[in-house]
Amino acid sequence: MTAIVYVAAALAEIAGCFSFWMWLRQDKPVWWIAPGIASLCLFAWLLTLVDSDAAGRAYAAYGGVYVAASLAWLWAVEGARPDRWDLIGAGVCLAGAAIVLLGPRSA
């Protein structure tokens, strides 16, 4: 369930930020930010659903998923194929996220 929440949160955050990008950098109308704000609110709510004992740990692990999802967005939405360095970097980030989220904790 955590993986699904992280992926949904990443898509919501990227979509929200992308709407601001399009408004500010691609001269889209100001109304483009309205769905972006809603999407960013959804992102924040989704992160509260992660089963973690600490918010900071949940956010840190999310960072790896965000990197990988951003590269998927790059390819799917922006039409730019990630190169091998992008993929290696995303793999390293996902490995780090797994360590943060799944590493054994002492009581």
PDB file of N, CA and C in Angstrom:
ATOM      1  N   MET A   1       0.822  -1.203   0.000  1.00  0.00           N
ATOM      2  CA  MET A   1       0.000   0.000   0.000  1.00  0.00           C
ATOM      3  C   MET A   1       0.865   1.265   0.000  1.00  0.00           C
ATOM      4  N   THR A   2       1.985   1.226   0.725  1.00  0.00           N
ATOM      5  CA  THR A   2       2.866   2.386   0.790  1.00  0.00           C
ATOM      6  C   THR A   2       3.376   2.769  -0.590  1.00  0.00           C
ATOM      7  N   ALA A   3       3.746   1.786  -1.396  1.00  0.00           N
ATOM      8  CA  ALA A   3       4.254   2.072  -2.742  1.00  0.00           C
ATOM      9  C   ALA A   3       3.193   2.758  -3.592  1.00  0.00           C
ATOM     10  N   ILE A   4       1.958   2.313  -3.480  1.00  0.00           N
ATOM     11  CA  ILE A   4       0.869   2.921  -4.249  1.00  0.00           C
ATOM     12  C   ILE A   4       0.656   4.370  -3.814  1.00  0.00           C
ATOM     13  N   VAL A   5       0.688   4.605  -2.514  1.00  0.00           N
ATOM     14  CA  VAL A   5       0.515   5.969  -1.998  1.00  0.00           C
ATOM     15  C   VAL A   5       1.655   6.858  -2.480  1.00  0.00           C
ATOM     16  N   TYR A   6       2.887   6.350  -2.424  1.00  0.00           N
ATOM     17  CA  TYR A   6       4.026   7.141  -2.880  1.00  0.00           C
ATOM     18  C   TYR A   6       3.921   7.482  -4.368  1.00  0.00           C
ATOM     19  N   VAL A   7       3.535   6.528  -5.184  1.00  0.00           N
ATOM     20  CA  VAL A   7       3.406   6.795  -6.624  1.00  0.00           C
ATOM     21  C   VAL A   7       2.296   7.812  -6.876  1.00  0.00           C
ATOM     22  N   ALA A   8       1.163   7.643  -6.206  1.00  0.00           N
ATOM     23  CA  ALA A   8       0.062   8.606  -6.369  1.00  0.00           C
ATOM     24  C   ALA A   8       0.478   9.995  -5.899  1.00  0.00           C
ATOM     25  N   ALA A   9       1.199  10.066  -4.782  1.00  0.00           N
ATOM     26  CA  ALA A   9       1.669  11.361  -4.273  1.00  0.00           C
ATOM     27  C   ALA A   9       2.636  12.007  -5.262  1.00  0.00           C
ATOM     28  N   ALA A  10       3.524  11.204  -5.828  1.00  0.00           N
ATOM     29  CA  ALA A  10       4.487  11.748  -6.786  1.00  0.00           C
ATOM     30  C   ALA A  10       3.776  12.309  -8.011  1.00  0.00           C
ATOM     31  N   LEU A  11       2.813  11.577  -8.526  1.00  0.00           N
ATOM     32  CA  LEU A  11       2.079  12.070  -9.695  1.00  0.00           C
ATOM     33  C   LEU A  11       1.313  13.347  -9.368  1.00  0.00           C
ATOM     34  N   ALA A  12       0.724  13.396  -8.171  1.00  0.00           N
ATOM     35  CA  ALA A  12      -0.004  14.611  -7.770  1.00  0.00           C
ATOM     36  C   ALA A  12       0.943  15.794  -7.621  1.00  0.00           C
ATOM     37  N   GLU A  13       2.101  15.569  -7.009  1.00  0.00           N
ATOM     38  CA  GLU A  13       3.044  16.677  -6.832  1.00  0.00           C
ATOM     39  C   GLU A  13       3.598  17.155  -8.169  1.00  0.00           C
ATOM     40  N   ILE A  14       3.982  16.220  -9.012  1.00  0.00           N
ATOM     41  CA  ILE A  14       4.546  16.601 -10.303  1.00  0.00           C
ATOM     42  C   ILE A  14       3.505  17.326 -11.150  1.00  0.00           C
ATOM     43  N   ALA A  15       2.287  16.830 -11.168  1.00  0.00           N
ATOM     44  CA  ALA A  15       1.229  17.503 -11.936  1.00  0.00           C
ATOM     45  C   ALA A  15       0.978  18.911 -11.402  1.00  0.00           C
ATOM     46  N   GLY A  16       0.970  19.043 -10.080  1.00  0.00           N
ATOM     47  CA  GLY A  16       0.761  20.365  -9.489  1.00  0.00           C
ATOM     48  C   GLY A  16       1.861  21.342  -9.847  1.00  0.00           C
ATOM     49  N   CYS A  17       3.085  20.895  -9.721  1.00  0.00           N
ATOM     50  CA  CYS A  17       4.219  21.765 -10.062  1.00  0.00           C
ATOM     51  C   CYS A  17       4.271  22.047 -11.558  1.00  0.00           C
ATOM     52  N   PHE A  18       3.908  21.059 -12.364  1.00  0.00           N
ATOM     53  CA  PHE A  18       3.915  21.228 -13.812  1.00  0.00           C
ATOM     54  C   PHE A  18       2.927  22.315 -14.236  1.00  0.00           C
ATOM     55  N   SER A  19       1.791  22.395 -13.550  1.00  0.00           N
ATOM     56  CA  SER A  19       0.829  23.434 -13.921  1.00  0.00           C
ATOM     57  C   SER A  19       1.411  24.828 -13.694  1.00  0.00           C
ATOM     58  N   PHE A  20       2.171  25.005 -12.615  1.00  0.00           N
ATOM     59  CA  PHE A  20       2.837  26.292 -12.378  1.00  0.00           C
ATOM     60  C   PHE A  20       3.928  26.522 -13.422  1.00  0.00           C
ATOM     61  N   TRP A  21       4.669  25.479 -13.756  1.00  0.00           N
ATOM     62  CA  TRP A  21       5.703  25.563 -14.792  1.00  0.00           C
ATOM     63  C   TRP A  21       5.093  26.052 -16.107  1.00  0.00           C
ATOM     64  N   MET A  22       3.969  25.444 -16.477  1.00  0.00           N
ATOM     65  CA  MET A  22       3.338  25.817 -17.737  1.00  0.00           C
ATOM     66  C   MET A  22       2.858  27.264 -17.704  1.00  0.00           C
ATOM     67  N   TRP A  23       2.321  27.705 -16.574  1.00  0.00           N
ATOM     68  CA  TRP A  23       1.851  29.079 -16.469  1.00  0.00           C
ATOM     69  C   TRP A  23       3.015  30.064 -16.530  1.00  0.00           C
ATOM     70  N   LEU A  24       4.063  29.799 -15.742  1.00  0.00           N
ATOM     71  CA  LEU A  24       5.160  30.759 -15.635  1.00  0.00           C
ATOM     72  C   LEU A  24       6.187  30.660 -16.763  1.00  0.00           C
ATOM     73  N   ARG A  25       6.405  29.464 -17.277  1.00  0.00           N
ATOM     74  CA  ARG A  25       7.480  29.282 -18.258  1.00  0.00           C
ATOM     75  C   ARG A  25       6.988  29.088 -19.685  1.00  0.00           C
ATOM     76  N   GLN A  26       5.729  28.684 -19.834  1.00  0.00           N
ATOM     77  CA  GLN A  26       5.197  28.419 -21.176  1.00  0.00           C
ATOM     78  C   GLN A  26       4.031  29.336 -21.529  1.00  0.00           C
ATOM     79  N   ASP A  27       3.846  30.372 -20.737  1.00  0.00           N
ATOM     80  CA  ASP A  27       2.838  31.405 -21.001  1.00  0.00           C
ATOM     81  C   ASP A  27       1.408  30.875 -21.117  1.00  0.00           C
ATOM     82  N   LYS A  28       1.083  29.869 -20.309  1.00  0.00           N
ATOM     83  CA  LYS A  28      -0.298  29.395 -20.263  1.00  0.00           C
ATOM     84  C   LYS A  28      -1.113  30.359 -19.402  1.00  0.00           C
ATOM     85  N   PRO A  29      -2.441  30.361 -19.565  1.00  0.00           N
ATOM     86  CA  PRO A  29      -3.277  31.274 -18.769  1.00  0.00           C
ATOM     87  C   PRO A  29      -3.166  30.980 -17.270  1.00  0.00           C
ATOM     88  N   VAL A  30      -3.442  31.986 -16.464  1.00  0.00           N
ATOM     89  CA  VAL A  30      -3.314  31.880 -15.012  1.00  0.00           C
ATOM     90  C   VAL A  30      -4.214  30.784 -14.434  1.00  0.00           C
ATOM     91  N   TRP A  31      -5.312  30.473 -15.100  1.00  0.00           N
ATOM     92  CA  TRP A  31      -6.193  29.439 -14.566  1.00  0.00           C
ATOM     93  C   TRP A  31      -5.523  28.067 -14.536  1.00  0.00           C
ATOM     94  N   TRP A  32      -4.398  27.899 -15.196  1.00  0.00           N
ATOM     95  CA  TRP A  32      -3.659  26.631 -15.139  1.00  0.00           C
ATOM     96  C   TRP A  32      -3.224  26.296 -13.719  1.00  0.00           C
ATOM     97  N   ILE A  33      -3.098  27.312 -12.862  1.00  0.00           N
ATOM     98  CA  ILE A  33      -2.635  27.011 -11.503  1.00  0.00           C
ATOM     99  C   ILE A  33      -3.741  26.458 -10.606  1.00  0.00           C
ATOM    100  N   ALA A  34      -5.006  26.644 -10.960  1.00  0.00           N
ATOM    101  CA  ALA A  34      -6.102  26.131 -10.118  1.00  0.00           C
ATOM    102  C   ALA A  34      -6.039  24.610  -9.963  1.00  0.00           C
ATOM    103  N   PRO A  35      -5.956  23.839 -11.044  1.00  0.00           N
ATOM    104  CA  PRO A  35      -5.821  22.391 -10.841  1.00  0.00           C
ATOM    105  C   PRO A  35      -4.482  22.031 -10.195  1.00  0.00           C
ATOM    106  N   GLY A  36      -3.482  22.873 -10.397  1.00  0.00           N
ATOM    107  CA  GLY A  36      -2.195  22.639  -9.773  1.00  0.00           C
ATOM    108  C   GLY A  36      -2.270  22.739  -8.260  1.00  0.00           C
ATOM    109  N   ILE A  37      -2.993  23.727  -7.770  1.00  0.00           N
ATOM    110  CA  ILE A  37      -3.161  23.884  -6.328  1.00  0.00           C
ATOM    111  C   ILE A  37      -3.926  22.694  -5.755  1.00  0.00           C
ATOM    112  N   ALA A  38      -4.979  22.275  -6.442  1.00  0.00           N
ATOM    113  CA  ALA A  38      -5.742  21.105  -5.986  1.00  0.00           C
ATOM    114  C   ALA A  38      -4.855  19.859  -5.971  1.00  0.00           C
ATOM    115  N   SER A  39      -4.045  19.717  -6.981  1.00  0.00           N
ATOM    116  CA  SER A  39      -3.152  18.568  -7.066  1.00  0.00           C
ATOM    117  C   SER A  39      -2.113  18.577  -5.950  1.00  0.00           C
ATOM    118  N   LEU A  40      -1.593  19.736  -5.619  1.00  0.00           N
ATOM    119  CA  LEU A  40      -0.620  19.834  -4.534  1.00  0.00           C
ATOM    120  C   LEU A  40      -1.265  19.558  -3.176  1.00  0.00           C
ATOM    121  N   CYS A  41      -2.522  19.946  -3.004  1.00  0.00           N
ATOM    122  CA  CYS A  41      -3.243  19.596  -1.772  1.00  0.00           C
ATOM    123  C   CYS A  41      -3.440  18.084  -1.686  1.00  0.00           C
ATOM    124  N   LEU A  42      -3.774  17.445  -2.796  1.00  0.00           N
ATOM    125  CA  LEU A  42      -3.910  15.993  -2.835  1.00  0.00           C
ATOM    126  C   LEU A  42      -2.588  15.328  -2.479  1.00  0.00           C
ATOM    127  N   PHE A  43      -1.504  15.840  -3.014  1.00  0.00           N
ATOM    128  CA  PHE A  43      -0.169  15.319  -2.706  1.00  0.00           C
ATOM    129  C   PHE A  43       0.096  15.340  -1.201  1.00  0.00           C
ATOM    130  N   ALA A  44      -0.154  16.472  -0.567  1.00  0.00           N
ATOM    131  CA  ALA A  44       0.112  16.596   0.866  1.00  0.00           C
ATOM    132  C   ALA A  44      -0.747  15.620   1.666  1.00  0.00           C
ATOM    133  N   TRP A  45      -2.001  15.473   1.298  1.00  0.00           N
ATOM    134  CA  TRP A  45      -2.882  14.534   1.994  1.00  0.00           C
ATOM    135  C   TRP A  45      -2.397  13.099   1.810  1.00  0.00           C
ATOM    136  N   LEU A  46      -2.007  12.745   0.588  1.00  0.00           N
ATOM    137  CA  LEU A  46      -1.553  11.382   0.329  1.00  0.00           C
ATOM    138  C   LEU A  46      -0.354  11.011   1.195  1.00  0.00           C
ATOM    139  N   LEU A  47       0.567  11.932   1.385  1.00  0.00           N
ATOM    140  CA  LEU A  47       1.741  11.604   2.201  1.00  0.00           C
ATOM    141  C   LEU A  47       1.377  11.311   3.654  1.00  0.00           C
ATOM    142  N   THR A  48       0.249  11.820   4.111  1.00  0.00           N
ATOM    143  CA  THR A  48      -0.155  11.506   5.488  1.00  0.00           C
ATOM    144  C   THR A  48      -0.631  10.063   5.623  1.00  0.00           C
ATOM    145  N   LEU A  49      -0.875   9.392   4.512  1.00  0.00           N
ATOM    146  CA  LEU A  49      -1.354   8.011   4.545  1.00  0.00           C
ATOM    147  C   LEU A  49      -0.223   6.985   4.653  1.00  0.00           C
ATOM    148  N   VAL A  50       1.016   7.430   4.523  1.00  0.00           N
ATOM    149  CA  VAL A  50       2.158   6.517   4.582  1.00  0.00           C
ATOM    150  C   VAL A  50       2.312   5.994   6.005  1.00  0.00           C
ATOM    151  N   ASP A  51       2.492   4.682   6.117  1.00  0.00           N
ATOM    152  CA  ASP A  51       2.668   4.051   7.426  1.00  0.00           C
ATOM    153  C   ASP A  51       4.123   4.222   7.871  1.00  0.00           C
ATOM    154  N   SER A  52       4.373   5.257   8.638  1.00  0.00           N
ATOM    155  CA  SER A  52       5.709   5.550   9.139  1.00  0.00           C
ATOM    156  C   SER A  52       5.583   6.152  10.527  1.00  0.00           C
ATOM    157  N   ASP A  53       6.587   5.895  11.356  1.00  0.00           N
ATOM    158  CA  ASP A  53       6.552   6.436  12.714  1.00  0.00           C
ATOM    159  C   ASP A  53       6.955   7.902  12.770  1.00  0.00           C
ATOM    160  N   ALA A  54       7.508   8.427  11.678  1.00  0.00           N
ATOM    161  CA  ALA A  54       7.964   9.823  11.654  1.00  0.00           C
ATOM    162  C   ALA A  54       7.731  10.424  10.272  1.00  0.00           C
ATOM    163  N   ALA A  55       7.232  11.635  10.259  1.00  0.00           N
ATOM    164  CA  ALA A  55       6.963  12.311   8.988  1.00  0.00           C
ATOM    165  C   ALA A  55       8.238  12.475   8.168  1.00  0.00           C
ATOM    166  N   GLY A  56       9.327  12.875   8.819  1.00  0.00           N
ATOM    167  CA  GLY A  56      10.581  13.091   8.090  1.00  0.00           C
ATOM    168  C   GLY A  56      11.072  11.845   7.377  1.00  0.00           C
ATOM    169  N   ARG A  57      10.903  10.689   8.014  1.00  0.00           N
ATOM    170  CA  ARG A  57      11.319   9.437   7.389  1.00  0.00           C
ATOM    171  C   ARG A  57      10.426   9.121   6.188  1.00  0.00           C
ATOM    172  N   ALA A  58       9.140   9.358   6.332  1.00  0.00           N
ATOM    173  CA  ALA A  58       8.215   9.132   5.215  1.00  0.00           C
ATOM    174  C   ALA A  58       8.571  10.044   4.047  1.00  0.00           C
ATOM    175  N   TYR A  59       8.904  11.296   4.335  1.00  0.00           N
ATOM    176  CA  TYR A  59       9.251  12.249   3.277  1.00  0.00           C
ATOM    177  C   TYR A  59      10.578  11.885   2.627  1.00  0.00           C
ATOM    178  N   ALA A  60      11.535  11.450   3.427  1.00  0.00           N
ATOM    179  CA  ALA A  60      12.848  11.076   2.886  1.00  0.00           C
ATOM    180  C   ALA A  60      12.720   9.903   1.929  1.00  0.00           C
ATOM    181  N   ALA A  61      11.968   8.892   2.328  1.00  0.00           N
ATOM    182  CA  ALA A  61      11.778   7.738   1.452  1.00  0.00           C
ATOM    183  C   ALA A  61      11.015   8.139   0.195  1.00  0.00           C
ATOM    184  N   TYR A  62      10.065   9.039   0.339  1.00  0.00           N
ATOM    185  CA  TYR A  62       9.295   9.520  -0.812  1.00  0.00           C
ATOM    186  C   TYR A  62      10.199  10.161  -1.859  1.00  0.00           C
ATOM    187  N   GLY A  63      11.273  10.790  -1.423  1.00  0.00           N
ATOM    188  CA  GLY A  63      12.164  11.480  -2.350  1.00  0.00           C
ATOM    189  C   GLY A  63      12.660  10.581  -3.477  1.00  0.00           C
ATOM    190  N   GLY A  64      12.993   9.350  -3.170  1.00  0.00           N
ATOM    191  CA  GLY A  64      13.455   8.420  -4.205  1.00  0.00           C
ATOM    192  C   GLY A  64      12.372   8.112  -5.220  1.00  0.00           C
ATOM    193  N   VAL A  65      11.160   7.934  -4.732  1.00  0.00           N
ATOM    194  CA  VAL A  65      10.032   7.675  -5.626  1.00  0.00           C
ATOM    195  C   VAL A  65       9.774   8.897  -6.498  1.00  0.00           C
ATOM    196  N   TYR A  66       9.902  10.077  -5.925  1.00  0.00           N
ATOM    197  CA  TYR A  66       9.689  11.318  -6.673  1.00  0.00           C
ATOM    198  C   TYR A  66      10.667  11.434  -7.843  1.00  0.00           C
ATOM    199  N   VAL A  67      11.923  11.100  -7.606  1.00  0.00           N
ATOM    200  CA  VAL A  67      12.929  11.183  -8.664  1.00  0.00           C
ATOM    201  C   VAL A  67      12.557  10.254  -9.822  1.00  0.00           C
ATOM    202  N   ALA A  68      12.222   9.014  -9.496  1.00  0.00           N
ATOM    203  CA  ALA A  68      11.858   8.051 -10.541  1.00  0.00           C
ATOM    204  C   ALA A  68      10.589   8.487 -11.273  1.00  0.00           C
ATOM    205  N   ALA A  69       9.597   8.958 -10.536  1.00  0.00           N
ATOM    206  CA  ALA A  69       8.353   9.401 -11.158  1.00  0.00           C
ATOM    207  C   ALA A  69       8.573  10.637 -12.032  1.00  0.00           C
ATOM    208  N   SER A  70       9.470  11.507 -11.624  1.00  0.00           N
ATOM    209  CA  SER A  70       9.777  12.692 -12.433  1.00  0.00           C
ATOM    210  C   SER A  70      10.369  12.307 -13.780  1.00  0.00           C
ATOM    211  N   LEU A  71      11.206  11.287 -13.778  1.00  0.00           N
ATOM    212  CA  LEU A  71      11.785  10.831 -15.048  1.00  0.00           C
ATOM    213  C   LEU A  71      10.741  10.136 -15.915  1.00  0.00           C
ATOM    214  N   ALA A  72       9.806   9.435 -15.293  1.00  0.00           N
ATOM    215  CA  ALA A  72       8.707   8.846 -16.056  1.00  0.00           C
ATOM    216  C   ALA A  72       7.848   9.954 -16.671  1.00  0.00           C
ATOM    217  N   TRP A  73       7.609  11.018 -15.909  1.00  0.00           N
ATOM    218  CA  TRP A  73       6.859  12.181 -16.415  1.00  0.00           C
ATOM    219  C   TRP A  73       7.609  12.817 -17.588  1.00  0.00           C
ATOM    220  N   LEU A  74       8.916  12.969 -17.422  1.00  0.00           N
ATOM    221  CA  LEU A  74       9.752  13.529 -18.486  1.00  0.00           C
ATOM    222  C   LEU A  74       9.507  12.798 -19.797  1.00  0.00           C
ATOM    223  N   TRP A  75       9.458  11.493 -19.723  1.00  0.00           N
ATOM    224  CA  TRP A  75       9.289  10.672 -20.915  1.00  0.00           C
ATOM    225  C   TRP A  75       7.841  10.689 -21.413  1.00  0.00           C
ATOM    226  N   ALA A  76       6.886  10.431 -20.506  1.00  0.00           N
ATOM    227  CA  ALA A  76       5.490  10.276 -20.905  1.00  0.00           C
ATOM    228  C   ALA A  76       4.815  11.584 -21.295  1.00  0.00           C
ATOM    229  N   VAL A  77       5.097  12.656 -20.575  1.00  0.00           N
ATOM    230  CA  VAL A  77       4.387  13.919 -20.804  1.00  0.00           C
ATOM    231  C   VAL A  77       5.198  14.882 -21.663  1.00  0.00           C
ATOM    232  N   GLU A  78       6.503  14.968 -21.392  1.00  0.00           N
ATOM    233  CA  GLU A  78       7.320  15.940 -22.105  1.00  0.00           C
ATOM    234  C   GLU A  78       7.998  15.359 -23.353  1.00  0.00           C
ATOM    235  N   GLY A  79       7.929  14.053 -23.498  1.00  0.00           N
ATOM    236  CA  GLY A  79       8.456  13.426 -24.701  1.00  0.00           C
ATOM    237  C   GLY A  79       9.970  13.345 -24.781  1.00  0.00           C
ATOM    238  N   ALA A  80      10.662  13.529 -23.676  1.00  0.00           N
ATOM    239  CA  ALA A  80      12.129  13.436 -23.649  1.00  0.00           C
ATOM    240  C   ALA A  80      12.509  12.131 -22.938  1.00  0.00           C
ATOM    241  N   ARG A  81      13.189  11.268 -23.641  1.00  0.00           N
ATOM    242  CA  ARG A  81      13.544   9.965 -23.085  1.00  0.00           C
ATOM    243  C   ARG A  81      14.705  10.097 -22.100  1.00  0.00           C
ATOM    244  N   PRO A  82      14.537   9.550 -20.892  1.00  0.00           N
ATOM    245  CA  PRO A  82      15.642   9.586 -19.927  1.00  0.00           C
ATOM    246  C   PRO A  82      16.852   8.813 -20.459  1.00  0.00           C
ATOM    247  N   ASP A  83      18.041   9.303 -20.166  1.00  0.00           N
ATOM    248  CA  ASP A  83      19.243   8.598 -20.610  1.00  0.00           C
ATOM    249  C   ASP A  83      19.713   7.645 -19.519  1.00  0.00           C
ATOM    250  N   ARG A  84      20.806   6.953 -19.769  1.00  0.00           N
ATOM    251  CA  ARG A  84      21.269   5.950 -18.806  1.00  0.00           C
ATOM    252  C   ARG A  84      21.640   6.568 -17.469  1.00  0.00           C
ATOM    253  N   TRP A  85      22.131   7.799 -17.485  1.00  0.00           N
ATOM    254  CA  TRP A  85      22.509   8.447 -16.230  1.00  0.00           C
ATOM    255  C   TRP A  85      21.274   8.794 -15.418  1.00  0.00           C
ATOM    256  N   ASP A  86      20.213   9.198 -16.093  1.00  0.00           N
ATOM    257  CA  ASP A  86      18.944   9.420 -15.404  1.00  0.00           C
ATOM    258  C   ASP A  86      18.481   8.131 -14.728  1.00  0.00           C
ATOM    259  N   LEU A  87      18.540   7.034 -15.460  1.00  0.00           N
ATOM    260  CA  LEU A  87      18.067   5.748 -14.933  1.00  0.00           C
ATOM    261  C   LEU A  87      18.948   5.245 -13.794  1.00  0.00           C
ATOM    262  N   ILE A  88      20.246   5.404 -13.928  1.00  0.00           N
ATOM    263  CA  ILE A  88      21.150   5.008 -12.839  1.00  0.00           C
ATOM    264  C   ILE A  88      20.861   5.851 -11.597  1.00  0.00           C
ATOM    265  N   GLY A  89      20.723   7.137 -11.783  1.00  0.00           N
ATOM    266  CA  GLY A  89      20.418   8.021 -10.653  1.00  0.00           C
ATOM    267  C   GLY A  89      19.103   7.658  -9.983  1.00  0.00           C
ATOM    268  N   ALA A  90      18.084   7.363 -10.783  1.00  0.00           N
ATOM    269  CA  ALA A  90      16.794   6.969 -10.212  1.00  0.00           C
ATOM    270  C   ALA A  90      16.924   5.664  -9.438  1.00  0.00           C
ATOM    271  N   GLY A  91      17.703   4.731  -9.962  1.00  0.00           N
ATOM    272  CA  GLY A  91      17.921   3.469  -9.255  1.00  0.00           C
ATOM    273  C   GLY A  91      18.599   3.679  -7.912  1.00  0.00           C
ATOM    274  N   VAL A  92      19.596   4.551  -7.894  1.00  0.00           N
ATOM    275  CA  VAL A  92      20.284   4.863  -6.635  1.00  0.00           C
ATOM    276  C   VAL A  92      19.304   5.506  -5.646  1.00  0.00           C
ATOM    277  N   CYS A  93      18.483   6.420  -6.133  1.00  0.00           N
ATOM    278  CA  CYS A  93      17.504   7.084  -5.261  1.00  0.00           C
ATOM    279  C   CYS A  93      16.485   6.087  -4.708  1.00  0.00           C
ATOM    280  N   LEU A  94      16.009   5.170  -5.551  1.00  0.00           N
ATOM    281  CA  LEU A  94      15.053   4.172  -5.079  1.00  0.00           C
ATOM    282  C   LEU A  94      15.686   3.228  -4.064  1.00  0.00           C
ATOM    283  N   ALA A  95      16.946   2.879  -4.285  1.00  0.00           N
ATOM    284  CA  ALA A  95      17.649   2.040  -3.306  1.00  0.00           C
ATOM    285  C   ALA A  95      17.761   2.776  -1.969  1.00  0.00           C
ATOM    286  N   GLY A  96      18.092   4.046  -2.016  1.00  0.00           N
ATOM    287  CA  GLY A  96      18.162   4.844  -0.796  1.00  0.00           C
ATOM    288  C   GLY A  96      16.814   4.942  -0.102  1.00  0.00           C
ATOM    289  N   ALA A  97      15.758   5.121  -0.881  1.00  0.00           N
ATOM    290  CA  ALA A  97      14.411   5.188  -0.301  1.00  0.00           C
ATOM    291  C   ALA A  97      14.067   3.881   0.406  1.00  0.00           C
ATOM    292  N   ALA A  98      14.418   2.762  -0.211  1.00  0.00           N
ATOM    293  CA  ALA A  98      14.131   1.463   0.395  1.00  0.00           C
ATOM    294  C   ALA A  98      14.899   1.297   1.712  1.00  0.00           C
ATOM    295  N   ILE A  99      16.148   1.746   1.722  1.00  0.00           N
ATOM    296  CA  ILE A  99      16.932   1.651   2.954  1.00  0.00           C
ATOM    297  C   ILE A  99      16.308   2.486   4.072  1.00  0.00           C
ATOM    298  N   VAL A 100      15.914   3.701   3.746  1.00  0.00           N
ATOM    299  CA  VAL A 100      15.302   4.593   4.739  1.00  0.00           C
ATOM    300  C   VAL A 100      13.991   4.005   5.253  1.00  0.00           C
ATOM    301  N   LEU A 101      13.168   3.529   4.357  1.00  0.00           N
ATOM    302  CA  LEU A 101      11.843   3.071   4.750  1.00  0.00           C
ATOM    303  C   LEU A 101      11.843   1.687   5.392  1.00  0.00           C
ATOM    304  N   LEU A 102      12.691   0.781   4.892  1.00  0.00           N
ATOM    305  CA  LEU A 102      12.619  -0.611   5.312  1.00  0.00           C
ATOM    306  C   LEU A 102      13.740  -1.047   6.254  1.00  0.00           C
ATOM    307  N   GLY A 103      14.706  -0.175   6.491  1.00  0.00           N
ATOM    308  CA  GLY A 103      15.817  -0.546   7.354  1.00  0.00           C
ATOM    309  C   GLY A 103      15.369  -0.887   8.773  1.00  0.00           C
ATOM    310  N   PRO A 104      16.061  -1.823   9.406  1.00  0.00           N
ATOM    311  CA  PRO A 104      15.672  -2.202  10.779  1.00  0.00           C
ATOM    312  C   PRO A 104      15.856  -1.037  11.740  1.00  0.00           C
ATOM    313  N   ARG A 105      14.943  -0.892  12.640  1.00  0.00           N
ATOM    314  CA  ARG A 105      14.981   0.183  13.624  1.00  0.00           C
ATOM    315  C   ARG A 105      15.157  -0.435  15.021  1.00  0.00           C
ATOM    316  N   SER A 106      16.003   0.170  15.818  1.00  0.00           N
ATOM    317  CA  SER A 106      16.137  -0.296  17.193  1.00  0.00           C
ATOM    318  C   SER A 106      15.057   0.349  18.050  1.00  0.00           C
ATOM    319  N   ALA A 107      14.634  -0.356  19.038  1.00  0.00           N
ATOM    320  CA  ALA A 107      13.539   0.121  19.885  1.00  0.00           C
ATOM    321  C   ALA A 107      13.941   1.206  20.831  1.00  0.00           C
TER     322      ALA A 107
END
